């Protein structure tokens, strides 16, 4: 659908990271941990990368 409308597809993780960069949420990492707890699949290495990125900022 997004492609058909000419929109860029970024997915749930991309959306949360973008929201953090724009100051809409304080951090994406805890939200992703909660999503994962509820059954959303996020790979260990990606989750760790996001955690490290947010610690650096």
N, C-alpha and C. Protein backbone atom coordinates (compact mmCIF):
# COMPACT_ATOMS: atom_id res chain seq x y z
N UNK A 1 0.82 -1.19 0.00
CA UNK A 1 0.00 0.00 0.00
C UNK A 1 0.87 1.26 0.00
N UNK A 2 1.85 1.31 0.90
CA UNK A 2 2.71 2.50 0.99
C UNK A 2 3.40 2.74 -0.35
N UNK A 3 3.92 1.68 -0.94
CA UNK A 3 4.63 1.82 -2.21
C UNK A 3 3.68 2.33 -3.30
N UNK A 4 2.50 1.81 -3.32
CA UNK A 4 1.52 2.22 -4.33
C UNK A 4 1.18 3.70 -4.19
N UNK A 5 1.21 4.20 -2.96
CA UNK A 5 0.92 5.61 -2.72
C UNK A 5 2.15 6.50 -2.84
N UNK A 6 3.29 5.88 -3.16
CA UNK A 6 4.52 6.64 -3.31
C UNK A 6 5.16 7.03 -1.99
N UNK A 7 4.80 6.30 -0.92
CA UNK A 7 5.35 6.57 0.41
C UNK A 7 6.54 5.66 0.68
N UNK A 8 7.46 6.14 1.47
CA UNK A 8 8.61 5.33 1.86
C UNK A 8 8.19 4.43 3.01
N UNK A 9 8.52 3.15 2.93
CA UNK A 9 8.19 2.18 3.96
C UNK A 9 9.36 2.08 4.94
N UNK A 10 9.11 2.38 6.22
CA UNK A 10 10.20 2.31 7.20
C UNK A 10 9.95 1.28 8.29
N UNK A 11 8.76 0.76 8.42
CA UNK A 11 8.45 -0.26 9.40
C UNK A 11 8.31 0.28 10.82
N UNK A 12 7.94 -0.60 11.71
CA UNK A 12 7.69 -0.23 13.11
C UNK A 12 8.95 0.28 13.79
N UNK A 13 10.07 -0.42 13.61
CA UNK A 13 11.31 -0.01 14.25
C UNK A 13 11.77 1.33 13.70
N UNK A 14 11.70 1.49 12.40
CA UNK A 14 12.07 2.76 11.79
C UNK A 14 11.18 3.90 12.27
N UNK A 15 9.90 3.63 12.43
CA UNK A 15 8.97 4.63 12.92
C UNK A 15 9.33 5.07 14.35
N UNK A 16 9.64 4.11 15.21
CA UNK A 16 10.01 4.44 16.59
C UNK A 16 11.33 5.21 16.66
N UNK A 17 12.29 4.82 15.84
CA UNK A 17 13.56 5.55 15.82
C UNK A 17 13.37 6.97 15.31
N UNK A 18 12.56 7.12 14.29
CA UNK A 18 12.27 8.46 13.75
C UNK A 18 11.56 9.31 14.81
N UNK A 19 10.62 8.72 15.53
CA UNK A 19 9.91 9.45 16.59
C UNK A 19 10.88 9.92 17.66
N UNK A 20 11.88 9.11 17.97
CA UNK A 20 12.89 9.51 18.96
C UNK A 20 13.73 10.67 18.43
N UNK A 21 14.17 10.57 17.20
CA UNK A 21 15.01 11.63 16.61
C UNK A 21 14.25 12.95 16.56
N UNK A 22 12.94 12.86 16.40
CA UNK A 22 12.12 14.08 16.33
C UNK A 22 11.65 14.55 17.71
N UNK A 23 12.03 13.83 18.75
CA UNK A 23 11.67 14.22 20.10
C UNK A 23 10.24 13.88 20.50
N UNK A 24 9.60 13.00 19.75
CA UNK A 24 8.22 12.61 20.05
C UNK A 24 8.13 11.57 21.15
N UNK A 25 9.18 10.77 21.30
CA UNK A 25 9.28 9.80 22.40
C UNK A 25 10.68 9.94 22.98
N UNK A 26 10.83 9.72 24.29
CA UNK A 26 12.16 9.90 24.89
C UNK A 26 13.18 8.84 24.44
N UNK A 27 12.71 7.64 24.14
CA UNK A 27 13.62 6.56 23.72
C UNK A 27 12.82 5.47 23.01
N UNK A 28 13.42 4.89 21.99
CA UNK A 28 12.79 3.79 21.25
C UNK A 28 13.05 2.46 21.93
N UNK A 29 14.22 2.32 22.55
CA UNK A 29 14.62 1.03 23.13
C UNK A 29 13.59 0.43 24.09
N UNK A 30 13.14 1.16 25.12
CA UNK A 30 12.17 0.55 26.04
C UNK A 30 10.85 0.19 25.36
N UNK A 31 10.47 0.95 24.36
CA UNK A 31 9.25 0.63 23.62
C UNK A 31 9.43 -0.66 22.83
N UNK A 32 10.61 -0.84 22.25
CA UNK A 32 10.89 -2.07 21.51
C UNK A 32 10.97 -3.28 22.44
N UNK A 33 11.53 -3.09 23.62
CA UNK A 33 11.58 -4.17 24.60
C UNK A 33 10.16 -4.60 24.97
N UNK A 34 9.29 -3.63 25.18
CA UNK A 34 7.89 -3.95 25.50
C UNK A 34 7.18 -4.63 24.34
N UNK A 35 7.40 -4.14 23.14
CA UNK A 35 6.82 -4.81 21.97
C UNK A 35 7.30 -6.25 21.86
N UNK A 36 8.58 -6.44 22.11
CA UNK A 36 9.16 -7.79 22.05
C UNK A 36 8.53 -8.69 23.11
N UNK A 37 8.34 -8.14 24.31
CA UNK A 37 7.71 -8.90 25.40
C UNK A 37 6.30 -9.35 25.00
N UNK A 38 5.66 -8.55 24.16
CA UNK A 38 4.30 -8.86 23.72
C UNK A 38 4.24 -9.68 22.43
N UNK A 39 5.42 -10.12 21.94
CA UNK A 39 5.42 -11.03 20.80
C UNK A 39 5.95 -10.45 19.50
N UNK A 40 6.28 -9.17 19.45
CA UNK A 40 6.85 -8.56 18.24
C UNK A 40 8.28 -9.03 18.12
N UNK A 41 8.67 -9.51 16.95
CA UNK A 41 10.03 -10.03 16.80
C UNK A 41 11.00 -8.90 16.51
N UNK A 42 12.02 -8.81 17.36
CA UNK A 42 13.14 -7.89 17.17
C UNK A 42 14.40 -8.70 17.47
N UNK A 43 15.33 -8.76 16.54
CA UNK A 43 16.55 -9.52 16.73
C UNK A 43 17.41 -8.94 17.85
N UNK A 44 18.13 -9.81 18.53
CA UNK A 44 19.00 -9.39 19.64
C UNK A 44 20.02 -8.34 19.20
N UNK A 45 20.64 -8.55 18.06
CA UNK A 45 21.70 -7.63 17.62
C UNK A 45 21.12 -6.26 17.28
N UNK A 46 19.95 -6.21 16.67
CA UNK A 46 19.33 -4.93 16.34
C UNK A 46 18.91 -4.20 17.62
N UNK A 47 18.33 -4.92 18.55
CA UNK A 47 17.92 -4.32 19.82
C UNK A 47 19.13 -3.76 20.56
N UNK A 48 20.22 -4.50 20.55
CA UNK A 48 21.45 -4.04 21.21
C UNK A 48 22.03 -2.81 20.50
N UNK A 49 21.97 -2.79 19.18
CA UNK A 49 22.46 -1.63 18.42
C UNK A 49 21.66 -0.37 18.77
N UNK A 50 20.36 -0.51 18.88
CA UNK A 50 19.50 0.63 19.23
C UNK A 50 19.82 1.10 20.64
N UNK A 51 20.00 0.17 21.57
CA UNK A 51 20.35 0.53 22.95
C UNK A 51 21.66 1.31 23.00
N UNK A 52 22.67 0.83 22.29
CA UNK A 52 23.97 1.52 22.26
C UNK A 52 23.86 2.90 21.63
N UNK A 53 23.11 3.00 20.53
CA UNK A 53 22.93 4.30 19.88
C UNK A 53 22.29 5.31 20.84
N UNK A 54 21.29 4.87 21.57
CA UNK A 54 20.60 5.78 22.47
C UNK A 54 21.45 6.14 23.69
N UNK A 55 22.33 5.25 24.12
CA UNK A 55 23.23 5.56 25.23
C UNK A 55 24.24 6.62 24.81
N UNK A 56 24.65 6.61 23.55
CA UNK A 56 25.65 7.56 23.05
C UNK A 56 25.10 8.98 22.93
N UNK A 57 23.80 9.08 22.75
CA UNK A 57 23.19 10.41 22.52
C UNK A 57 22.87 11.11 23.81
